[in-house]
Amino acid sequence: MTENRIPEVLLFSAGLDSYPAWHYLGRPPSLYFDLGHRYASQERAAIAALADAAGIEVEISDELRLGAWEAEDAIIPLRNVHLAMLAANRAETVWCIGVKGDHTLDKSREAFADMGRFIARFSERLLRVDSPFWDMTKTEIIAWYLAQGLPVDHLLLTFSCSRTDGSTVHCGRCPSCLRRWTSLVNNGVEAEFEQQPWTWDRVREFYIPAMREGRYPDHRAHEFFAALATVGAAVAS
């Protein structure tokens, strides 16, 4: 496999970022790693639904089982490093989706560049690990998708939630759901949630104060409060 690498591969999660990325990048070959994590079954269901609706072809691999390392908040340490290393056996460019403002240990413009250099050094092969969306917010990504005239119903087949019970309905009570709701409602798109994300206690108790105190980037705060304004939510701290 390493002797016949393809030009590029998209690490696909069937989420609200990676599905628009598939279109944005011109429908490249896509790869999903089932890590044995808590919401893998929902992601695989979303992949199947998108395959039927949009014709996306995704290689599904179970060669990387990291579920044992998943923390309570659904974070798997070094997840993107592991993904990039295995994807590098397949392609010269690995697209791993991050968006404007992402800056965790293994998801930032700098982190991806470091991964590419590290893997290239030890594999003795040129490698690029990157995202096409470093200068776009989630709201802007959805705006781009809709501006292309692409189907809203396909977008709603994506899955962006960390619930643990196997349900494919978005819980509305996790950070992923809150970000999903924000980016969709800011584009006039209504999506199904088990409970409306803006009614989550944590919105009032944590996110509103945190956004106001500058603990999030300005663009995140702007889009967050714009989303709350669409439902007339009170934003008094």
Protein backbone atom coordinates (compact mmCIF):
# COMPACT_ATOMS: atom_id res chain seq x y z
CA MET A 1 0.00 0.00 0.00
CA THR A 2 2.80 2.43 0.85
CA GLU A 3 4.30 1.92 -2.63
CA ASN A 4 1.12 3.04 -4.35
CA ARG A 5 -0.08 6.04 -2.44
CA ILE A 6 -2.84 8.13 -3.96
CA PRO A 7 -2.52 11.94 -4.14
CA GLU A 8 -4.97 12.71 -1.33
CA VAL A 9 -7.42 11.26 1.15
CA LEU A 10 -10.06 12.90 3.33
CA LEU A 11 -10.44 11.68 6.90
CA PHE A 12 -14.22 11.44 6.98
CA SER A 13 -16.37 11.36 10.12
CA ALA A 14 -19.79 11.98 8.53
CA GLY A 15 -19.90 15.20 10.56
CA LEU A 16 -21.04 18.69 9.75
CA ASP A 17 -17.49 19.71 8.76
CA SER A 18 -16.18 16.69 6.88
CA TYR A 19 -19.21 16.27 4.61
CA PRO A 20 -19.04 19.84 3.22
CA ALA A 21 -15.26 19.34 2.97
CA TRP A 22 -15.84 16.40 0.63
CA HIS A 23 -17.62 18.76 -1.76
CA TYR A 24 -15.22 21.65 -1.16
CA LEU A 25 -12.21 19.48 -2.04
CA GLY A 26 -13.81 18.07 -5.17
CA ARG A 27 -15.01 14.74 -3.76
CA PRO A 28 -11.67 13.09 -2.92
CA PRO A 29 -11.30 9.48 -1.73
CA SER A 30 -12.53 9.29 1.85
CA LEU A 31 -11.48 7.21 4.82
CA TYR A 32 -13.23 6.51 8.13
CA PHE A 33 -11.53 4.87 11.11
CA ASP A 34 -13.89 3.09 13.47
CA LEU A 35 -12.00 3.63 16.71
CA GLY A 36 -14.40 1.66 18.87
CA HIS A 37 -15.47 4.97 20.40
CA ARG A 38 -18.84 5.70 22.00
CA TYR A 39 -20.61 7.14 18.96
CA ALA A 40 -19.03 5.07 16.20
CA SER A 41 -22.32 3.29 15.42
CA GLN A 42 -24.07 6.61 14.79
CA GLU A 43 -21.25 7.83 12.56
CA ARG A 44 -21.34 4.62 10.54
CA ALA A 45 -25.11 4.97 10.17
CA ALA A 46 -24.59 8.52 8.89
CA ILE A 47 -21.96 7.30 6.42
CA ALA A 48 -24.40 4.72 5.10
CA ALA A 49 -27.13 7.33 4.77
CA LEU A 50 -24.83 9.75 2.94
CA ALA A 51 -23.62 6.98 0.65
CA ASP A 52 -27.21 6.28 -0.36
CA ALA A 53 -28.22 9.93 -0.69
CA ALA A 54 -25.09 11.60 -2.08
CA GLY A 55 -23.06 8.74 -3.52
CA ILE A 56 -20.04 9.27 -1.30
CA GLU A 57 -17.73 6.27 -1.16
CA VAL A 58 -15.89 5.84 2.13
CA GLU A 59 -13.31 3.22 3.01
CA ILE A 60 -14.11 2.00 6.53
CA SER A 61 -11.21 0.70 8.57
CA ASP A 62 -11.12 -0.90 12.00
CA GLU A 63 -7.32 -1.16 12.17
CA LEU A 64 -7.13 1.55 14.85
CA ARG A 65 -9.03 0.84 18.09
CA LEU A 66 -8.63 3.74 20.50
CA GLY A 67 -11.91 3.55 22.40
CA ALA A 68 -10.18 2.38 25.57
CA TRP A 69 -8.48 5.79 25.79
CA GLU A 70 -11.66 7.85 25.32
CA ALA A 71 -12.17 10.34 28.16
CA GLU A 72 -15.49 11.27 29.73
CA ASP A 73 -15.69 14.35 27.49
CA ALA A 74 -15.23 12.11 24.38
CA ILE A 75 -11.67 13.33 23.78
CA ILE A 76 -9.19 10.66 22.66
CA PRO A 77 -5.62 11.86 23.26
CA LEU A 78 -3.49 12.02 20.11
CA ARG A 79 -6.43 10.89 17.98
CA ASN A 80 -5.45 12.97 14.96
CA VAL A 81 -1.81 11.91 15.22
CA HIS A 82 -2.81 8.25 15.04
CA LEU A 83 -5.20 8.93 12.16
CA ALA A 84 -2.60 10.87 10.19
CA MET A 85 0.04 8.17 10.57
CA LEU A 86 -2.20 5.45 9.17
CA ALA A 87 -3.65 7.68 6.46
CA ALA A 88 -0.09 8.53 5.39
CA ASN A 89 0.29 4.93 4.22
CA ARG A 90 -2.46 5.62 1.71
CA ALA A 91 -1.95 9.18 0.45
CA GLU A 92 0.51 12.02 -0.02
CA THR A 93 -1.92 14.61 1.36
CA VAL A 94 -4.13 13.85 4.36
CA TRP A 95 -7.08 16.17 4.82
CA CYS A 96 -8.08 16.23 8.49
CA ILE A 97 -10.79 18.79 9.12
CA GLY A 98 -10.20 21.65 11.51
CA VAL A 99 -11.91 25.04 11.37
CA LYS A 100 -11.08 28.62 12.23
CA GLY A 101 -10.31 28.93 15.93
CA ASP A 102 -9.53 25.24 16.53
CA HIS A 103 -6.39 25.16 18.64
CA THR A 104 -6.10 21.97 20.65
CA LEU A 105 -2.96 19.91 21.07
CA ASP A 106 -3.62 17.80 17.97
CA LYS A 107 -5.90 20.07 15.95
CA SER A 108 -4.48 23.36 14.73
CA ARG A 109 -2.68 24.63 11.65
CA GLU A 110 0.62 24.33 13.52
CA ALA A 111 -0.13 20.88 14.90
CA PHE A 112 -0.99 19.51 11.48
CA ALA A 113 2.21 20.95 9.98
CA ASP A 114 4.20 19.34 12.79
CA MET A 115 2.50 15.99 12.16
CA GLY A 116 3.36 16.16 8.47
CA ARG A 117 7.02 16.89 9.18
CA PHE A 118 7.26 14.20 11.87
CA ILE A 119 5.68 11.45 9.77
CA ALA A 120 7.68 12.47 6.69
CA ARG A 121 10.90 12.28 8.68
CA PHE A 122 10.33 8.72 9.87
CA SER A 123 8.67 7.40 6.71
CA GLU A 124 11.11 9.18 4.36
CA ARG A 125 8.15 10.27 2.25
CA LEU A 126 6.76 13.72 1.66
CA LEU A 127 3.48 14.22 3.50
CA ARG A 128 1.05 17.08 3.93
CA VAL A 129 -1.48 17.04 6.77
CA ASP A 130 -3.88 19.96 6.42
CA SER A 131 -7.43 21.30 6.52
CA PRO A 132 -9.08 23.45 3.84
CA PHE A 133 -11.08 25.34 6.47
CA TRP A 134 -8.54 27.09 8.72
CA ASP A 135 -9.89 30.48 7.63
CA MET A 136 -13.59 29.55 7.80
CA THR A 137 -15.94 29.17 10.73
CA LYS A 138 -18.52 26.40 10.94
CA THR A 139 -21.21 28.94 10.08
CA GLU A 140 -19.22 30.04 7.02
CA ILE A 141 -18.67 26.45 5.92
CA ILE A 142 -22.41 25.81 5.97
CA ALA A 143 -22.99 29.10 4.14
CA TRP A 144 -20.56 27.97 1.42
CA TYR A 145 -22.29 24.60 1.13
CA LEU A 146 -25.71 26.17 0.74
CA ALA A 147 -24.42 28.73 -1.75
CA GLN A 148 -23.44 25.85 -4.05
CA GLY A 149 -27.07 24.77 -4.17
CA LEU A 150 -26.25 21.50 -2.44
CA PRO A 151 -29.14 19.69 -0.70
CA VAL A 152 -30.03 20.72 2.84
CA ASP A 153 -31.46 17.27 3.51
CA HIS A 154 -28.07 15.68 2.81
CA LEU A 155 -26.44 18.07 5.27
CA LEU A 156 -28.91 17.00 7.93
CA LEU A 157 -27.89 13.36 7.50
CA THR A 158 -24.53 14.15 9.10
CA PHE A 159 -23.92 13.28 12.75
CA SER A 160 -22.26 15.63 15.26
CA CYS A 161 -23.06 14.47 18.79
CA SER A 162 -21.31 12.64 21.63
CA ARG A 163 -24.29 10.81 23.13
CA THR A 164 -23.52 7.30 24.33
CA ASP A 165 -26.81 5.40 23.94
CA GLY A 166 -26.61 4.66 20.22
CA SER A 167 -29.47 6.96 19.22
CA THR A 168 -29.00 8.82 15.94
CA VAL A 169 -31.05 11.79 17.17
CA HIS A 170 -28.84 14.66 18.30
CA CYS A 171 -29.11 15.06 22.06
CA GLY A 172 -28.91 18.86 22.26
CA ARG A 173 -26.97 18.52 25.49
CA CYS A 174 -23.34 18.38 24.42
CA PRO A 175 -20.82 20.87 23.00
CA SER A 176 -20.95 19.24 19.57
CA CYS A 177 -24.71 19.73 19.39
CA LEU A 178 -24.40 23.34 20.49
CA ARG A 179 -21.88 24.09 17.73
CA ARG A 180 -24.00 22.21 15.19
CA TRP A 181 -27.11 24.18 16.15
CA THR A 182 -25.23 27.48 16.08
CA SER A 183 -23.85 26.99 12.57
CA LEU A 184 -27.14 25.71 11.16
CA VAL A 185 -29.51 28.23 12.74
CA ASN A 186 -27.24 31.08 11.65
CA ASN A 187 -27.87 29.88 8.10
CA GLY A 188 -31.63 29.56 8.55
CA VAL A 189 -31.55 25.75 8.72
CA GLU A 190 -33.75 23.92 11.22
CA ALA A 191 -32.42 20.61 12.49
CA GLU A 192 -33.80 17.95 14.81
CA PHE A 193 -32.54 17.77 18.38
CA GLU A 194 -33.92 15.72 21.24
CA GLN A 195 -33.77 18.89 23.32
CA GLN A 196 -33.10 22.36 21.97
CA PRO A 197 -29.41 23.18 22.53
CA TRP A 198 -30.06 26.78 23.55
CA THR A 199 -32.14 25.58 26.52
CA TRP A 200 -29.21 23.56 27.94
CA ASP A 201 -28.35 24.78 31.46
CA ARG A 202 -24.69 24.95 30.52
CA VAL A 203 -25.45 27.65 27.94
CA ARG A 204 -26.54 30.03 30.70
CA GLU A 205 -24.15 28.80 33.36
CA PHE A 206 -20.94 28.51 31.32
CA TYR A 207 -21.07 29.51 27.66
CA ILE A 208 -22.66 32.95 28.00
CA PRO A 209 -20.21 34.11 30.71
CA ALA A 210 -17.26 32.49 28.91
CA MET A 211 -18.11 34.14 25.60
CA ARG A 212 -18.58 37.52 27.26
CA GLU A 213 -15.33 37.26 29.19
CA GLY A 214 -13.29 36.55 26.07
CA ARG A 215 -12.48 32.93 26.84
CA TYR A 216 -13.46 32.04 23.28
CA PRO A 217 -12.33 33.70 20.03
CA ASP A 218 -14.34 36.76 19.01
CA HIS A 219 -15.80 35.02 15.96
CA ARG A 220 -17.10 32.15 18.13
CA ALA A 221 -18.75 34.61 20.51
CA HIS A 222 -20.27 36.60 17.65
CA GLU A 223 -21.80 33.51 16.03
CA PHE A 224 -22.95 32.14 19.38
CA PHE A 225 -24.86 35.29 20.32
CA ALA A 226 -26.20 35.64 16.77
CA ALA A 227 -27.65 32.13 17.10
CA LEU A 228 -29.23 32.92 20.47
CA ALA A 229 -30.78 36.04 18.97
CA THR A 230 -32.60 33.92 16.37
CA VAL A 231 -34.62 32.29 19.14
CA GLY A 232 -35.00 35.40 21.25
CA ALA A 233 -33.01 33.83 24.06
CA ALA A 234 -32.16 36.07 26.98
CA VAL A 235 -28.41 36.51 27.28
CA ALA A 236 -28.17 38.20 30.64
CA SER A 237 -25.42 36.66 32.71
